[in-house]
Amino acid sequence: MKETFARIFAVVLILGGTFTIGFAWWFGRLDSITLHARMPEAGGWMPGDLTIAINQPLRLRLTSDDVMHGFAIGQSGQPAVDVKPGEIADITLNFDQPGTYTFYCTRWCGANHWRMRGTITVTGDAPEQTVTPPLYAQLGLDIDAPREAETVSEEQPSALRGRKLFDQLSITNLPTYLSPDYYRSHSPEQAWQDLRDDPELGSYSDQQLWNAVAYIWGSNTTPEALSIARELYAQNCAACHGESGGGDGVFSGEQVNIQDEAGGMSSGHQIVSPADFTNPEQILSAAPALLQGKIIRGGMGTGMPMWGVIFTEDQTWALVSYLYTFQFEEVPK
């Protein structure tokens, strides 16, 4: 009798455990959201707008309905997740700060790839924060105004030669020229003109002063920042601006589809030719603050996306410093 009871009890335990595991599994499925990735022309992320309470886990089941996509959260250290056709990738996200977070596709899937963005609204109370305007706004720069440098170097400026020159100098304004504030608020052409007008530098040639400008720009970044920026550029910018910065990326001449006010997609908008970072007239006339403004806000009506919701501030400044490497050689290590 005791043996029979023990066997029945064991069966009940096994069945109960199976039911509990099954219930938890189904509860987990019901408590998750299936997020479909489709090429932008077919709708992009579906659903594209999610809402979650602060500190509440957000369980997502990611799948692609067409080609390979990638999923990542902007301004986050969360690693990107590949979203493969016909497969499910389960992830759980946690947000400890309220606000609106942007998720985006990390795999190039066509000319409209950068339009594959969605938002996660995290609700909850938070201390009021003071928002500091970006530097270009503080300086009153019109980032949409056409610019072209009137003075450029006859040969590619060398940061290495510029460093050797600065090692010889003991001029009054040296700390100012090398400061981050000066670098970010002045274009290379403006810096060259300031050096040219400095009475203590009258004996130096124009080319020597261009080398000095290259050194100022090189001294305001680091090899680590340039390495990060090089990867970001390859992943997010090269398809339009080209691997070598010449504005000749594989999607530089494509047409894009624009979302209209009703939420539909209209086709036929031609991307404005991407900036050519190898053109000295273009890049030497642009201050770092202006380039950062272009990155974070995007280019109105040009096809240049807004990256301010994707990249951190440090990443935007690193990208800016990388763009100047298409002009200045031998950045000092």
C-alpha atoms as a PDB file:
ATOM      1  CA  MET A   1       0.000   0.000   0.000  1.00  0.00           C
ATOM      2  CA  LYS A   2       2.758   2.380   0.941  1.00  0.00           C
ATOM      3  CA  GLU A   3       4.652   1.516  -2.257  1.00  0.00           C
ATOM      4  CA  THR A   4       1.566   2.209  -4.412  1.00  0.00           C
ATOM      5  CA  PHE A   5       1.015   5.563  -2.686  1.00  0.00           C
ATOM      6  CA  ALA A   6       4.655   6.520  -3.236  1.00  0.00           C
ATOM      7  CA  ARG A   7       4.395   5.762  -6.954  1.00  0.00           C
ATOM      8  CA  ILE A   8       1.202   7.823  -7.293  1.00  0.00           C
ATOM      9  CA  PHE A   9       2.817  10.692  -5.423  1.00  0.00           C
ATOM     10  CA  ALA A  10       5.858  10.568  -7.727  1.00  0.00           C
ATOM     11  CA  VAL A  11       3.654  10.659 -10.843  1.00  0.00           C
ATOM     12  CA  VAL A  12       1.744  13.647  -9.447  1.00  0.00           C
ATOM     13  CA  LEU A  13       5.002  15.476  -8.797  1.00  0.00           C
ATOM     14  CA  ILE A  14       6.240  14.834 -12.331  1.00  0.00           C
ATOM     15  CA  LEU A  15       2.966  15.903 -13.930  1.00  0.00           C
ATOM     16  CA  GLY A  16       2.747  18.944 -11.677  1.00  0.00           C
ATOM     17  CA  GLY A  17       6.285  19.955 -12.495  1.00  0.00           C
ATOM     18  CA  THR A  18       5.614  19.550 -16.211  1.00  0.00           C
ATOM     19  CA  PHE A  19       2.453  21.665 -15.934  1.00  0.00           C
ATOM     20  CA  THR A  20       4.312  24.357 -13.984  1.00  0.00           C
ATOM     21  CA  ILE A  21       7.130  24.499 -16.524  1.00  0.00           C
ATOM     22  CA  GLY A  22       4.664  24.556 -19.402  1.00  0.00           C
ATOM     23  CA  PHE A  23       2.581  27.292 -17.783  1.00  0.00           C
ATOM     24  CA  ALA A  24       5.674  29.400 -17.131  1.00  0.00           C
ATOM     25  CA  TRP A  25       6.789  28.887 -20.749  1.00  0.00           C
ATOM     26  CA  TRP A  26       3.422  29.958 -22.144  1.00  0.00           C
ATOM     27  CA  PHE A  27       3.203  32.853 -19.707  1.00  0.00           C
ATOM     28  CA  GLY A  28       6.614  33.980 -20.908  1.00  0.00           C
ATOM     29  CA  ARG A  29       5.415  33.821 -24.529  1.00  0.00           C
ATOM     30  CA  LEU A  30       2.243  35.774 -23.704  1.00  0.00           C
ATOM     31  CA  ASP A  31       4.270  38.345 -21.791  1.00  0.00           C
ATOM     32  CA  SER A  32       6.520  39.025 -24.797  1.00  0.00           C
ATOM     33  CA  ILE A  33       6.134  41.041 -27.976  1.00  0.00           C
ATOM     34  CA  THR A  34       6.956  39.649 -31.395  1.00  0.00           C
ATOM     35  CA  LEU A  35       8.757  42.345 -33.354  1.00  0.00           C
ATOM     36  CA  HIS A  36       8.850  41.813 -37.117  1.00  0.00           C
ATOM     37  CA  ALA A  37      11.626  43.341 -39.229  1.00  0.00           C
ATOM     38  CA  ARG A  38      10.799  44.189 -42.825  1.00  0.00           C
ATOM     39  CA  MET A  39      12.537  46.325 -45.393  1.00  0.00           C
ATOM     40  CA  PRO A  40      11.391  49.961 -44.997  1.00  0.00           C
ATOM     41  CA  GLU A  41       9.411  49.827 -48.225  1.00  0.00           C
ATOM     42  CA  ALA A  42       7.368  46.982 -46.674  1.00  0.00           C
ATOM     43  CA  GLY A  43       6.787  48.723 -43.334  1.00  0.00           C
ATOM     44  CA  GLY A  44      10.044  48.517 -41.394  1.00  0.00           C
ATOM     45  CA  TRP A  45       9.659  47.445 -37.766  1.00  0.00           C
ATOM     46  CA  MET A  46       6.210  46.158 -36.857  1.00  0.00           C
ATOM     47  CA  PRO A  47       5.145  47.273 -34.327  1.00  0.00           C
ATOM     48  CA  GLY A  48       7.293  50.393 -34.543  1.00  0.00           C
ATOM     49  CA  ASP A  49       6.317  52.052 -31.251  1.00  0.00           C
ATOM     50  CA  LEU A  50       6.438  50.267 -27.910  1.00  0.00           C
ATOM     51  CA  THR A  51       5.660  51.391 -24.364  1.00  0.00           C
ATOM     52  CA  ILE A  52       6.967  49.921 -21.119  1.00  0.00           C
ATOM     53  CA  ALA A  53       7.070  51.029 -17.486  1.00  0.00           C
ATOM     54  CA  ILE A  54      10.380  51.884 -15.905  1.00  0.00           C
ATOM     55  CA  ASN A  55      12.229  48.844 -14.453  1.00  0.00           C
ATOM     56  CA  GLN A  56       9.751  46.453 -16.082  1.00  0.00           C
ATOM     57  CA  PRO A  57      11.427  43.818 -18.296  1.00  0.00           C
ATOM     58  CA  LEU A  58      10.595  44.124 -21.984  1.00  0.00           C
ATOM     59  CA  ARG A  59      10.696  40.717 -23.643  1.00  0.00           C
ATOM     60  CA  LEU A  60      11.033  40.777 -27.414  1.00  0.00           C
ATOM     61  CA  ARG A  61      10.890  37.978 -29.974  1.00  0.00           C
ATOM     62  CA  LEU A  62      12.714  39.309 -33.030  1.00  0.00           C
ATOM     63  CA  THR A  63      12.186  37.864 -36.485  1.00  0.00           C
ATOM     64  CA  SER A  64      12.710  38.973 -40.079  1.00  0.00           C
ATOM     65  CA  ASP A  65      10.046  38.596 -42.746  1.00  0.00           C
ATOM     66  CA  ASP A  66      12.440  39.148 -45.673  1.00  0.00           C
ATOM     67  CA  VAL A  67      16.217  39.690 -45.452  1.00  0.00           C
ATOM     68  CA  MET A  68      18.838  39.795 -42.714  1.00  0.00           C
ATOM     69  CA  HIS A  69      18.351  42.719 -40.347  1.00  0.00           C
ATOM     70  CA  GLY A  70      19.927  43.749 -37.055  1.00  0.00           C
ATOM     71  CA  PHE A  71      18.459  45.191 -33.857  1.00  0.00           C
ATOM     72  CA  ALA A  72      20.125  47.689 -31.530  1.00  0.00           C
ATOM     73  CA  ILE A  73      19.141  50.425 -29.071  1.00  0.00           C
ATOM     74  CA  GLY A  74      20.522  53.895 -29.746  1.00  0.00           C
ATOM     75  CA  GLN A  75      22.877  55.500 -27.194  1.00  0.00           C
ATOM     76  CA  SER A  76      23.183  52.165 -25.439  1.00  0.00           C
ATOM     77  CA  GLY A  77      25.838  49.601 -24.703  1.00  0.00           C
ATOM     78  CA  GLN A  78      23.348  46.850 -25.552  1.00  0.00           C
ATOM     79  CA  PRO A  79      25.031  44.653 -28.201  1.00  0.00           C
ATOM     80  CA  ALA A  80      23.377  44.408 -31.608  1.00  0.00           C
ATOM     81  CA  VAL A  81      21.337  41.279 -32.338  1.00  0.00           C
ATOM     82  CA  ASP A  82      21.114  39.659 -35.766  1.00  0.00           C
ATOM     83  CA  VAL A  83      17.531  39.219 -36.940  1.00  0.00           C
ATOM     84  CA  LYS A  84      17.428  36.350 -39.414  1.00  0.00           C
ATOM     85  CA  PRO A  85      14.619  35.428 -41.826  1.00  0.00           C
ATOM     86  CA  GLY A  86      12.325  32.758 -40.418  1.00  0.00           C
ATOM     87  CA  GLU A  87      14.163  32.556 -37.081  1.00  0.00           C
ATOM     88  CA  ILE A  88      13.375  33.921 -33.620  1.00  0.00           C
ATOM     89  CA  ALA A  89      15.827  35.809 -31.425  1.00  0.00           C
ATOM     90  CA  ASP A  90      14.622  36.246 -27.830  1.00  0.00           C
ATOM     91  CA  ILE A  91      15.966  39.202 -25.869  1.00  0.00           C
ATOM     92  CA  THR A  92      14.970  40.955 -22.651  1.00  0.00           C
ATOM     93  CA  LEU A  93      15.565  44.680 -22.167  1.00  0.00           C
ATOM     94  CA  ASN A  94      15.506  46.642 -18.915  1.00  0.00           C
ATOM     95  CA  PHE A  95      15.280  50.435 -18.664  1.00  0.00           C
ATOM     96  CA  ASP A  96      15.992  52.186 -15.371  1.00  0.00           C
ATOM     97  CA  GLN A  97      15.388  55.693 -16.698  1.00  0.00           C
ATOM     98  CA  PRO A  98      12.189  57.037 -18.271  1.00  0.00           C
ATOM     99  CA  GLY A  99      12.305  58.586 -21.714  1.00  0.00           C
ATOM    100  CA  THR A 100      12.097  57.701 -25.381  1.00  0.00           C
ATOM    101  CA  TYR A 101      14.654  55.255 -26.747  1.00  0.00           C
ATOM    102  CA  THR A 102      15.230  54.616 -30.445  1.00  0.00           C
ATOM    103  CA  PHE A 103      15.848  51.151 -31.831  1.00  0.00           C
ATOM    104  CA  TYR A 104      17.239  50.709 -35.316  1.00  0.00           C
ATOM    105  CA  CYS A 105      18.484  48.250 -37.902  1.00  0.00           C
ATOM    106  CA  THR A 106      22.227  47.587 -37.991  1.00  0.00           C
ATOM    107  CA  ARG A 107      22.326  45.635 -41.265  1.00  0.00           C
ATOM    108  CA  TRP A 108      22.307  47.506 -44.583  1.00  0.00           C
ATOM    109  CA  CYS A 109      19.212  46.306 -46.426  1.00  0.00           C
ATOM    110  CA  GLY A 110      18.785  48.969 -49.116  1.00  0.00           C
ATOM    111  CA  ALA A 111      18.805  52.710 -49.749  1.00  0.00           C
ATOM    112  CA  ASN A 112      16.105  53.210 -47.114  1.00  0.00           C
ATOM    113  CA  HIS A 113      17.946  51.176 -44.476  1.00  0.00           C
ATOM    114  CA  TRP A 114      18.452  54.136 -42.148  1.00  0.00           C
ATOM    115  CA  ARG A 115      14.666  54.646 -42.002  1.00  0.00           C
ATOM    116  CA  MET A 116      14.299  51.374 -40.104  1.00  0.00           C
ATOM    117  CA  ARG A 117      13.808  52.954 -36.711  1.00  0.00           C
ATOM    118  CA  GLY A 118      11.283  52.571 -33.944  1.00  0.00           C
ATOM    119  CA  THR A 119      10.791  53.919 -30.436  1.00  0.00           C
ATOM    120  CA  ILE A 120      10.417  52.514 -26.953  1.00  0.00           C
ATOM    121  CA  THR A 121       8.668  54.897 -24.570  1.00  0.00           C
ATOM    122  CA  VAL A 122       9.630  54.196 -20.961  1.00  0.00           C
ATOM    123  CA  THR A 123       7.125  55.701 -18.517  1.00  0.00           C
ATOM    124  CA  GLY A 124       7.794  56.697 -14.931  1.00  0.00           C
ATOM    125  CA  ASP A 125       8.845  59.590 -12.730  1.00  0.00           C
ATOM    126  CA  ALA A 126      12.294  61.112 -13.010  1.00  0.00           C
ATOM    127  CA  PRO A 127      14.029  64.255 -11.747  1.00  0.00           C
ATOM    128  CA  GLU A 128      13.699  67.174 -14.126  1.00  0.00           C
ATOM    129  CA  GLN A 129      16.828  67.509 -16.246  1.00  0.00           C
ATOM    130  CA  THR A 130      18.301  70.576 -17.864  1.00  0.00           C
ATOM    131  CA  VAL A 131      18.785  70.088 -21.593  1.00  0.00           C
ATOM    132  CA  THR A 132      21.913  71.716 -22.974  1.00  0.00           C
ATOM    133  CA  PRO A 133      21.620  72.808 -26.624  1.00  0.00           C
ATOM    134  CA  PRO A 134      24.210  71.279 -28.990  1.00  0.00           C
ATOM    135  CA  LEU A 135      27.311  73.358 -29.555  1.00  0.00           C
ATOM    136  CA  TYR A 136      26.365  74.458 -33.069  1.00  0.00           C
ATOM    137  CA  ALA A 137      23.185  76.037 -31.637  1.00  0.00           C
ATOM    138  CA  GLN A 138      25.111  77.713 -28.823  1.00  0.00           C
ATOM    139  CA  LEU A 139      27.499  79.203 -31.396  1.00  0.00           C
ATOM    140  CA  GLY A 140      24.648  80.278 -33.672  1.00  0.00           C
ATOM    141  CA  LEU A 141      25.947  78.272 -36.646  1.00  0.00           C
ATOM    142  CA  ASP A 142      23.646  77.779 -39.618  1.00  0.00           C
ATOM    143  CA  ILE A 143      24.491  74.188 -40.486  1.00  0.00           C
ATOM    144  CA  ASP A 144      22.422  74.339 -43.689  1.00  0.00           C
ATOM    145  CA  ALA A 145      24.202  77.349 -45.201  1.00  0.00           C
ATOM    146  CA  PRO A 146      26.490  76.524 -48.158  1.00  0.00           C
ATOM    147  CA  ARG A 147      30.185  76.829 -47.365  1.00  0.00           C
ATOM    148  CA  GLU A 148      33.352  76.612 -49.383  1.00  0.00           C
ATOM    149  CA  ALA A 149      36.851  77.364 -48.173  1.00  0.00           C
ATOM    150  CA  GLU A 150      38.567  80.229 -49.988  1.00  0.00           C
ATOM    151  CA  THR A 151      42.008  79.190 -48.783  1.00  0.00           C
ATOM    152  CA  VAL A 152      43.258  75.614 -48.874  1.00  0.00           C
ATOM    153  CA  SER A 153      46.614  73.923 -48.562  1.00  0.00           C
ATOM    154  CA  GLU A 154      48.640  73.254 -51.711  1.00  0.00           C
ATOM    155  CA  GLU A 155      49.535  69.818 -50.368  1.00  0.00           C
ATOM    156  CA  GLN A 156      47.966  67.561 -47.783  1.00  0.00           C
ATOM    157  CA  PRO A 157      48.720  69.018 -44.340  1.00  0.00           C
ATOM    158  CA  SER A 158      50.850  66.836 -42.097  1.00  0.00           C
ATOM    159  CA  ALA A 159      50.022  66.609 -38.396  1.00  0.00           C
ATOM    160  CA  LEU A 160      53.413  65.039 -37.751  1.00  0.00           C
ATOM    161  CA  ARG A 161      55.249  68.011 -39.250  1.00  0.00           C
ATOM    162  CA  GLY A 162      52.893  70.307 -37.404  1.00  0.00           C
ATOM    163  CA  ARG A 163      53.789  68.671 -34.115  1.00  0.00           C
ATOM    164  CA  LYS A 164      57.485  69.241 -34.769  1.00  0.00           C
ATOM    165  CA  LEU A 165      56.706  72.878 -35.495  1.00  0.00           C
ATOM    166  CA  PHE A 166      54.702  73.300 -32.282  1.00  0.00           C
ATOM    167  CA  ASP A 167      57.549  71.750 -30.302  1.00  0.00           C
ATOM    168  CA  GLN A 168      59.695  74.686 -31.447  1.00  0.00           C
ATOM    169  CA  LEU A 169      57.151  77.383 -30.644  1.00  0.00           C
ATOM    170  CA  SER A 170      56.734  79.370 -27.454  1.00  0.00           C
ATOM    171  CA  ILE A 171      54.120  81.834 -28.679  1.00  0.00           C
ATOM    172  CA  THR A 172      51.672  83.540 -26.362  1.00  0.00           C
ATOM    173  CA  ASN A 173      48.520  82.052 -27.908  1.00  0.00           C
ATOM    174  CA  LEU A 174      49.744  78.455 -28.066  1.00  0.00           C
ATOM    175  CA  PRO A 175      47.452  77.098 -25.273  1.00  0.00           C
ATOM    176  CA  THR A 176      44.441  78.751 -26.911  1.00  0.00           C
ATOM    177  CA  TYR A 177      45.123  77.192 -30.299  1.00  0.00           C
ATOM    178  CA  LEU A 178      45.430  73.717 -28.806  1.00  0.00           C
ATOM    179  CA  SER A 179      42.368  73.909 -26.537  1.00  0.00           C
ATOM    180  CA  PRO A 180      39.245  71.782 -27.239  1.00  0.00           C
ATOM    181  CA  ASP A 181      37.059  74.904 -27.138  1.00  0.00           C
ATOM    182  CA  TYR A 182      39.071  76.546 -29.897  1.00  0.00           C
ATOM    183  CA  TYR A 183      39.194  73.382 -31.980  1.00  0.00           C
ATOM    184  CA  ARG A 184      35.463  72.711 -31.814  1.00  0.00           C
ATOM    185  CA  SER A 185      34.383  76.275 -32.621  1.00  0.00           C
ATOM    186  CA  HIS A 186      36.750  77.029 -35.515  1.00  0.00           C
ATOM    187  CA  SER A 187      37.017  75.602 -39.002  1.00  0.00           C
ATOM    188  CA  PRO A 188      40.500  74.557 -40.169  1.00  0.00           C
ATOM    189  CA  GLU A 189      40.452  77.532 -42.556  1.00  0.00           C
ATOM    190  CA  GLN A 190      39.643  79.908 -39.676  1.00  0.00           C
ATOM    191  CA  ALA A 191      42.434  78.387 -37.586  1.00  0.00           C
ATOM    192  CA  TRP A 192      44.909  78.772 -40.426  1.00  0.00           C
ATOM    193  CA  GLN A 193      43.906  82.433 -40.839  1.00  0.00           C
ATOM    194  CA  ASP A 194      44.345  83.049 -37.099  1.00  0.00           C
ATOM    195  CA  LEU A 195      47.818  81.528 -37.255  1.00  0.00           C
ATOM    196  CA  ARG A 196      48.620  83.534 -40.384  1.00  0.00           C
ATOM    197  CA  ASP A 197      47.534  86.760 -38.655  1.00  0.00           C
ATOM    198  CA  ASP A 198      49.536  86.005 -35.491  1.00  0.00           C
ATOM    199  CA  PRO A 199      52.531  88.397 -35.531  1.00  0.00           C
ATOM    200  CA  GLU A 200      54.676  85.840 -33.735  1.00  0.00           C
ATOM    201  CA  LEU A 201      54.284  83.419 -36.666  1.00  0.00           C
ATOM    202  CA  GLY A 202      55.070  85.790 -39.498  1.00  0.00           C
ATOM    203  CA  SER A 203      58.265  83.978 -40.484  1.00  0.00           C
ATOM    204  CA  TYR A 204      56.527  80.653 -41.166  1.00  0.00           C
ATOM    205  CA  SER A 205      55.238  79.602 -44.584  1.00  0.00           C
ATOM    206  CA  ASP A 206      51.597  78.987 -45.419  1.00  0.00           C
ATOM    207  CA  GLN A 207      52.241  75.257 -45.673  1.00  0.00           C
ATOM    208  CA  GLN A 208      53.928  75.159 -42.279  1.00  0.00           C
ATOM    209  CA  LEU A 209      50.872  76.780 -40.749  1.00  0.00           C
ATOM    210  CA  TRP A 210      48.581  74.278 -42.474  1.00  0.00           C
ATOM    211  CA  ASN A 211      50.695  71.557 -40.875  1.00  0.00           C
ATOM    212  CA  ALA A 212      50.163  73.306 -37.550  1.00  0.00           C
ATOM    213  CA  VAL A 213      46.403  73.222 -38.151  1.00  0.00           C
ATOM    214  CA  ALA A 214      46.614  69.489 -38.848  1.00  0.00           C
ATOM    215  CA  TYR A 215      48.408  69.040 -35.537  1.00  0.00           C
ATOM    216  CA  ILE A 216      45.762  71.068 -33.650  1.00  0.00           C
ATOM    217  CA  TRP A 217      43.080  68.794 -35.096  1.00  0.00           C
ATOM    218  CA  GLY A 218      45.082  65.639 -34.417  1.00  0.00           C
ATOM    219  CA  SER A 219      45.822  66.632 -30.823  1.00  0.00           C
ATOM    220  CA  ASN A 220      42.103  66.901 -30.078  1.00  0.00           C
ATOM    221  CA  THR A 221      41.408  63.214 -30.586  1.00  0.00           C
ATOM    222  CA  THR A 222      42.944  59.892 -29.571  1.00  0.00           C
ATOM    223  CA  PRO A 223      43.777  56.627 -31.369  1.00  0.00           C
ATOM    224  CA  GLU A 224      41.034  54.943 -29.325  1.00  0.00           C
ATOM    225  CA  ALA A 225      38.415  57.486 -30.411  1.00  0.00           C
ATOM    226  CA  LEU A 226      39.485  57.196 -34.041  1.00  0.00           C
ATOM    227  CA  SER A 227      39.273  53.410 -33.869  1.00  0.00           C
ATOM    228  CA  ILE A 228      35.708  53.590 -32.526  1.00  0.00           C
ATOM    229  CA  ALA A 229      34.787  56.190 -35.141  1.00  0.00           C
ATOM    230  CA  ARG A 230      36.300  54.168 -37.973  1.00  0.00           C
ATOM    231  CA  GLU A 231      34.013  51.260 -37.095  1.00  0.00           C
ATOM    232  CA  LEU A 232      30.965  53.508 -36.714  1.00  0.00           C
ATOM    233  CA  TYR A 233      31.720  55.136 -40.072  1.00  0.00           C
ATOM    234  CA  ALA A 234      32.067  51.777 -41.827  1.00  0.00           C
ATOM    235  CA  GLN A 235      28.793  50.510 -40.351  1.00  0.00           C
ATOM    236  CA  ASN A 236      26.646  53.617 -40.752  1.00  0.00           C
ATOM    237  CA  CYS A 237      28.199  56.166 -43.128  1.00  0.00           C
ATOM    238  CA  ALA A 238      30.286  54.435 -45.787  1.00  0.00           C
ATOM    239  CA  ALA A 239      27.299  53.177 -47.794  1.00  0.00           C
ATOM    240  CA  CYS A 240      26.567  56.783 -48.802  1.00  0.00           C
ATOM    241  CA  HIS A 241      29.803  58.705 -48.188  1.00  0.00           C
ATOM    242  CA  GLY A 242      32.099  55.946 -49.446  1.00  0.00           C
ATOM    243  CA  GLU A 243      34.764  53.944 -47.669  1.00  0.00           C
ATOM    244  CA  SER A 244      37.368  56.558 -48.627  1.00  0.00           C
ATOM    245  CA  GLY A 245      35.088  59.508 -47.847  1.00  0.00           C
ATOM    246  CA  GLY A 246      34.633  60.592 -51.453  1.00  0.00           C
ATOM    247  CA  GLY A 247      30.821  60.740 -51.387  1.00  0.00           C
ATOM    248  CA  ASP A 248      30.677  57.759 -53.723  1.00  0.00           C
ATOM    249  CA  GLY A 249      29.156  55.026 -51.558  1.00  0.00           C
ATOM    250  CA  VAL A 250      27.033  52.252 -53.049  1.00  0.00           C
ATOM    251  CA  PHE A 251      23.815  54.078 -52.136  1.00  0.00           C
ATOM    252  CA  SER A 252      25.000  57.600 -52.943  1.00  0.00           C
ATOM    253  CA  GLY A 253      22.875  57.864 -56.095  1.00  0.00           C
ATOM    254  CA  GLU A 254      19.856  55.856 -54.972  1.00  0.00           C
ATOM    255  CA  GLN A 255      16.300  57.072 -54.652  1.00  0.00           C
ATOM    256  CA  VAL A 256      14.633  56.848 -51.259  1.00  0.00           C
ATOM    257  CA  ASN A 257      11.014  56.560 -50.191  1.00  0.00           C
ATOM    258  CA  ILE A 258       9.708  59.354 -48.001  1.00  0.00           C
ATOM    259  CA  GLN A 259       7.010  58.833 -45.378  1.00  0.00           C
ATOM    260  CA  ASP A 260       4.109  61.212 -45.961  1.00  0.00           C
ATOM    261  CA  GLU A 261       1.899  62.876 -43.367  1.00  0.00           C
ATOM    262  CA  ALA A 262      -0.621  60.038 -43.511  1.00  0.00           C
ATOM    263  CA  GLY A 263       2.057  57.491 -42.687  1.00  0.00           C
ATOM    264  CA  GLY A 264       2.304  56.059 -46.188  1.00  0.00           C
ATOM    265  CA  MET A 265       5.436  55.806 -48.308  1.00  0.00           C
ATOM    266  CA  SER A 266       5.919  57.855 -51.458  1.00  0.00           C
ATOM    267  CA  SER A 267       8.806  57.073 -53.777  1.00  0.00           C
ATOM    268  CA  GLY A 268      11.070  59.007 -56.070  1.00  0.00           C
ATOM    269  CA  HIS A 269      13.014  61.356 -53.759  1.00  0.00           C
ATOM    270  CA  GLN A 270      16.610  61.563 -54.979  1.00  0.00           C
ATOM    271  CA  ILE A 271      19.289  61.633 -52.305  1.00  0.00           C
ATOM    272  CA  VAL A 272      21.353  64.815 -52.466  1.00  0.00           C
ATOM    273  CA  SER A 273      24.955  63.941 -53.278  1.00  0.00           C
ATOM    274  CA  PRO A 274      26.623  63.010 -49.970  1.00  0.00           C
ATOM    275  CA  ALA A 275      29.386  65.269 -48.685  1.00  0.00           C
ATOM    276  CA  ASP A 276      32.823  64.545 -50.137  1.00  0.00           C
ATOM    277  CA  PHE A 277      35.204  64.525 -47.180  1.00  0.00           C
ATOM    278  CA  THR A 278      38.202  64.366 -49.496  1.00  0.00           C
ATOM    279  CA  ASN A 279      37.281  67.762 -50.994  1.00  0.00           C
ATOM    280  CA  PRO A 280      39.311  70.406 -49.112  1.00  0.00           C
ATOM    281  CA  GLU A 281      36.948  73.218 -50.089  1.00  0.00           C
ATOM    282  CA  GLN A 282      34.121  71.406 -48.293  1.00  0.00           C
ATOM    283  CA  ILE A 283      35.790  70.035 -45.203  1.00  0.00           C
ATOM    284  CA  LEU A 284      38.296  72.807 -44.404  1.00  0.00           C
ATOM    285  CA  SER A 285      35.456  75.333 -44.237  1.00  0.00           C
ATOM    286  CA  ALA A 286      33.533  73.322 -41.609  1.00  0.00           C
ATOM    287  CA  ALA A 287      34.078  73.671 -37.867  1.00  0.00           C
ATOM    288  CA  PRO A 288      33.813  70.510 -35.762  1.00  0.00           C
ATOM    289  CA  ALA A 289      30.705  71.968 -34.085  1.00  0.00           C
ATOM    290  CA  LEU A 290      29.078  72.304 -37.505  1.00  0.00           C
ATOM    291  CA  LEU A 291      29.892  68.737 -38.510  1.00  0.00           C
ATOM    292  CA  GLN A 292      28.605  67.442 -35.189  1.00  0.00           C
ATOM    293  CA  GLY A 293      25.394  69.388 -35.791  1.00  0.00           C
ATOM    294  CA  LYS A 294      25.007  67.726 -39.192  1.00  0.00           C
ATOM    295  CA  ILE A 295      25.464  64.326 -37.582  1.00  0.00           C
ATOM    296  CA  ILE A 296      23.070  64.754 -34.680  1.00  0.00           C
ATOM    297  CA  ARG A 297      20.328  66.663 -36.542  1.00  0.00           C
ATOM    298  CA  GLY A 298      20.728  65.323 -40.071  1.00  0.00           C
ATOM    299  CA  GLY A 299      20.435  67.254 -43.294  1.00  0.00           C
ATOM    300  CA  MET A 300      17.031  68.700 -44.059  1.00  0.00           C
ATOM    301  CA  GLY A 301      15.772  67.270 -47.361  1.00  0.00           C
ATOM    302  CA  THR A 302      19.134  65.761 -48.280  1.00  0.00           C
ATOM    303  CA  GLY A 303      18.690  62.132 -47.280  1.00  0.00           C
ATOM    304  CA  MET A 304      21.222  62.578 -44.432  1.00  0.00           C
ATOM    305  CA  PRO A 305      19.630  60.830 -41.424  1.00  0.00           C
ATOM    306  CA  MET A 306      19.482  62.143 -37.873  1.00  0.00           C
ATOM    307  CA  TRP A 307      22.016  60.265 -35.766  1.00  0.00           C
ATOM    308  CA  GLY A 308      21.553  62.165 -32.495  1.00  0.00           C
ATOM    309  CA  VAL A 309      19.161  59.520 -31.179  1.00  0.00           C
ATOM    310  CA  ILE A 310      21.559  56.728 -32.146  1.00  0.00           C
ATOM    311  CA  PHE A 311      25.077  57.877 -31.249  1.00  0.00           C
ATOM    312  CA  THR A 312      26.257  59.133 -27.869  1.00  0.00           C
ATOM    313  CA  GLU A 313      27.829  62.575 -27.681  1.00  0.00           C
ATOM    314  CA  ASP A 314      31.304  61.040 -27.347  1.00  0.00           C
ATOM    315  CA  GLN A 315      30.652  58.958 -30.457  1.00  0.00           C
ATOM    316  CA  THR A 316      29.600  62.035 -32.451  1.00  0.00           C
ATOM    317  CA  TRP A 317      32.779  63.907 -31.510  1.00  0.00           C
ATOM    318  CA  ALA A 318      34.857  60.843 -32.358  1.00  0.00           C
ATOM    319  CA  LEU A 319      33.164  60.637 -35.762  1.00  0.00           C
ATOM    320  CA  VAL A 320      33.864  64.322 -36.372  1.00  0.00           C
ATOM    321  CA  SER A 321      37.569  63.843 -35.652  1.00  0.00           C
ATOM    322  CA  TYR A 322      37.622  60.856 -38.003  1.00  0.00           C
ATOM    323  CA  LEU A 323      36.140  62.875 -40.875  1.00  0.00           C
ATOM    324  CA  TYR A 324      39.117  65.232 -40.793  1.00  0.00           C
ATOM    325  CA  THR A 325      41.494  62.318 -41.332  1.00  0.00           C
ATOM    326  CA  PHE A 326      40.401  62.388 -44.963  1.00  0.00           C
ATOM    327  CA  GLN A 327      42.203  65.754 -45.129  1.00  0.00           C
ATOM    328  CA  PHE A 328      45.076  65.587 -42.634  1.00  0.00           C
ATOM    329  CA  GLU A 329      47.740  62.908 -42.862  1.00  0.00           C
ATOM    330  CA  GLU A 330      49.927  61.412 -40.147  1.00  0.00           C
ATOM    331  CA  VAL A 331      47.702  62.046 -37.167  1.00  0.00           C
ATOM    332  CA  PRO A 332      50.123  61.850 -34.194  1.00  0.00           C
ATOM    333  CA  LYS A 333      49.750  58.827 -31.954  1.00  0.00           C
END
